[in-house]
Amino acid sequence: MMFFAPGEALGSSLSRDVQEECKRLFVHRYTGEHKPQWANKTMPNGEAYKPSYDTDVDWLAHTIFRVTKAGNLDKRYKLCYSYRSV
């Protein structure tokens, strides 16, 4: 069971409109559906970067966002926190 601080929410629990807004604003995620420009380079060891998540839905299910009491994205915060469950 996960606990969130006040003002935090898992992306999968947000409304569809807010999820779409998250995808528009957080453009540095690397999923099977979204490849940012930085992922076109190679790692220092010469290997290609690999997506962190298979889909954007998977990314949303593993990412915590700052939200307002009304459940909207809190735009005062420019970061989100992604994690992998074990």
C-alpha atoms as a PDB file:
ATOM      1  CA  MET A   1       0.000   0.000   0.000  1.00  0.00           C
ATOM      2  CA  MET A   2       1.353   3.415  -0.944  1.00  0.00           C
ATOM      3  CA  PHE A   3       0.843   6.590   1.005  1.00  0.00           C
ATOM      4  CA  PHE A   4       0.984  10.018  -0.560  1.00  0.00           C
ATOM      5  CA  ALA A   5       1.683  13.354   1.019  1.00  0.00           C
ATOM      6  CA  PRO A   6      -1.140  15.908   0.894  1.00  0.00           C
ATOM      7  CA  GLY A   7      -1.226  17.365  -2.587  1.00  0.00           C
ATOM      8  CA  GLU A   8       0.235  14.273  -4.268  1.00  0.00           C
ATOM      9  CA  ALA A   9      -1.554  11.796  -6.522  1.00  0.00           C
ATOM     10  CA  LEU A  10      -0.681   8.856  -8.691  1.00  0.00           C
ATOM     11  CA  GLY A  11      -1.074   9.664 -12.375  1.00  0.00           C
ATOM     12  CA  SER A  12      -3.438   6.753 -12.953  1.00  0.00           C
ATOM     13  CA  SER A  13      -5.853   8.226 -10.381  1.00  0.00           C
ATOM     14  CA  LEU A  14      -6.136  11.569 -12.193  1.00  0.00           C
ATOM     15  CA  SER A  15      -8.922  12.449 -14.602  1.00  0.00           C
ATOM     16  CA  ARG A  16      -8.328  11.698 -18.287  1.00  0.00           C
ATOM     17  CA  ASP A  17      -7.966  15.438 -19.028  1.00  0.00           C
ATOM     18  CA  VAL A  18      -5.321  15.865 -16.318  1.00  0.00           C
ATOM     19  CA  GLN A  19      -3.489  12.752 -17.547  1.00  0.00           C
ATOM     20  CA  GLU A  20      -3.346  14.251 -21.043  1.00  0.00           C
ATOM     21  CA  GLU A  21      -2.043  17.495 -19.539  1.00  0.00           C
ATOM     22  CA  CYS A  22       0.675  15.534 -17.708  1.00  0.00           C
ATOM     23  CA  LYS A  23       1.747  13.924 -20.981  1.00  0.00           C
ATOM     24  CA  ARG A  24       1.883  17.328 -22.693  1.00  0.00           C
ATOM     25  CA  LEU A  25       3.897  18.971 -19.906  1.00  0.00           C
ATOM     26  CA  PHE A  26       6.301  16.180 -18.905  1.00  0.00           C
ATOM     27  CA  VAL A  27       7.990  15.650 -22.256  1.00  0.00           C
ATOM     28  CA  HIS A  28      11.196  14.062 -20.961  1.00  0.00           C
ATOM     29  CA  ARG A  29       9.572  10.706 -20.135  1.00  0.00           C
ATOM     30  CA  TYR A  30      10.776   7.787 -22.262  1.00  0.00           C
ATOM     31  CA  THR A  31       8.113   5.199 -22.943  1.00  0.00           C
ATOM     32  CA  GLY A  32       7.368   2.855 -25.811  1.00  0.00           C
ATOM     33  CA  GLU A  33       4.924   5.529 -27.008  1.00  0.00           C
ATOM     34  CA  HIS A  34       7.008   8.654 -26.404  1.00  0.00           C
ATOM     35  CA  LYS A  35      10.708   9.059 -27.177  1.00  0.00           C
ATOM     36  CA  PRO A  36      12.264  12.365 -26.094  1.00  0.00           C
ATOM     37  CA  GLN A  37      15.084  13.943 -28.043  1.00  0.00           C
ATOM     38  CA  TRP A  38      17.709  13.070 -25.419  1.00  0.00           C
ATOM     39  CA  ALA A  39      17.035   9.355 -26.007  1.00  0.00           C
ATOM     40  CA  ASN A  40      18.384   9.625 -29.571  1.00  0.00           C
ATOM     41  CA  LYS A  41      21.905   9.865 -28.147  1.00  0.00           C
ATOM     42  CA  THR A  42      23.849   6.932 -26.753  1.00  0.00           C
ATOM     43  CA  MET A  43      24.857   6.369 -23.158  1.00  0.00           C
ATOM     44  CA  PRO A  44      28.514   7.007 -22.208  1.00  0.00           C
ATOM     45  CA  ASN A  45      29.179   3.271 -22.632  1.00  0.00           C
ATOM     46  CA  GLY A  46      27.915   3.458 -26.237  1.00  0.00           C
ATOM     47  CA  GLU A  47      24.659   1.575 -25.661  1.00  0.00           C
ATOM     48  CA  ALA A  48      21.285   2.934 -26.703  1.00  0.00           C
ATOM     49  CA  TYR A  49      18.893   4.216 -24.085  1.00  0.00           C
ATOM     50  CA  LYS A  50      15.882   1.993 -23.472  1.00  0.00           C
ATOM     51  CA  PRO A  51      12.363   3.128 -22.532  1.00  0.00           C
ATOM     52  CA  SER A  52      11.674   3.207 -18.818  1.00  0.00           C
ATOM     53  CA  TYR A  53       8.044   2.187 -19.331  1.00  0.00           C
ATOM     54  CA  ASP A  54       6.241   0.250 -22.060  1.00  0.00           C
ATOM     55  CA  THR A  55       3.368   2.719 -22.429  1.00  0.00           C
ATOM     56  CA  ASP A  56       2.309   6.142 -21.226  1.00  0.00           C
ATOM     57  CA  VAL A  57      -0.425   4.403 -19.202  1.00  0.00           C
ATOM     58  CA  ASP A  58       2.310   2.405 -17.434  1.00  0.00           C
ATOM     59  CA  TRP A  59       4.273   5.618 -16.814  1.00  0.00           C
ATOM     60  CA  LEU A  60       1.197   7.310 -15.318  1.00  0.00           C
ATOM     61  CA  ALA A  61       0.592   4.270 -13.082  1.00  0.00           C
ATOM     62  CA  HIS A  62       4.109   4.660 -11.634  1.00  0.00           C
ATOM     63  CA  THR A  63       4.393   8.440 -11.408  1.00  0.00           C
ATOM     64  CA  ILE A  64       3.396  10.782  -8.599  1.00  0.00           C
ATOM     65  CA  PHE A  65       2.320  14.330  -9.417  1.00  0.00           C
ATOM     66  CA  ARG A  66       1.610  17.396  -7.305  1.00  0.00           C
ATOM     67  CA  VAL A  67      -2.084  18.279  -7.510  1.00  0.00           C
ATOM     68  CA  THR A  68      -4.469  20.895  -6.168  1.00  0.00           C
ATOM     69  CA  LYS A  69      -7.351  20.076  -3.806  1.00  0.00           C
ATOM     70  CA  ALA A  70      -9.617  20.058  -6.874  1.00  0.00           C
ATOM     71  CA  GLY A  71      -7.465  17.317  -8.464  1.00  0.00           C
ATOM     72  CA  ASN A  72      -5.846  19.493 -11.112  1.00  0.00           C
ATOM     73  CA  LEU A  73      -2.139  19.522 -11.840  1.00  0.00           C
ATOM     74  CA  ASP A  74      -0.394  21.996  -9.534  1.00  0.00           C
ATOM     75  CA  LYS A  75       1.666  24.002 -12.011  1.00  0.00           C
ATOM     76  CA  ARG A  76       3.844  25.527  -9.307  1.00  0.00           C
ATOM     77  CA  TYR A  77       5.766  22.235  -9.378  1.00  0.00           C
ATOM     78  CA  LYS A  78       7.818  21.347 -12.446  1.00  0.00           C
ATOM     79  CA  LEU A  79       8.833  17.841 -11.348  1.00  0.00           C
ATOM     80  CA  CYS A  80       7.110  14.504 -10.982  1.00  0.00           C
ATOM     81  CA  TYR A  81       8.419  11.361  -9.322  1.00  0.00           C
ATOM     82  CA  SER A  82       8.435   8.021 -11.160  1.00  0.00           C
ATOM     83  CA  TYR A  83       9.182   4.763  -9.410  1.00  0.00           C
ATOM     84  CA  ARG A  84       9.283   1.077 -10.218  1.00  0.00           C
ATOM     85  CA  SER A  85       7.473  -1.311  -7.890  1.00  0.00           C
ATOM     86  CA  VAL A  86       9.455  -4.334  -6.777  1.00  0.00           C
END
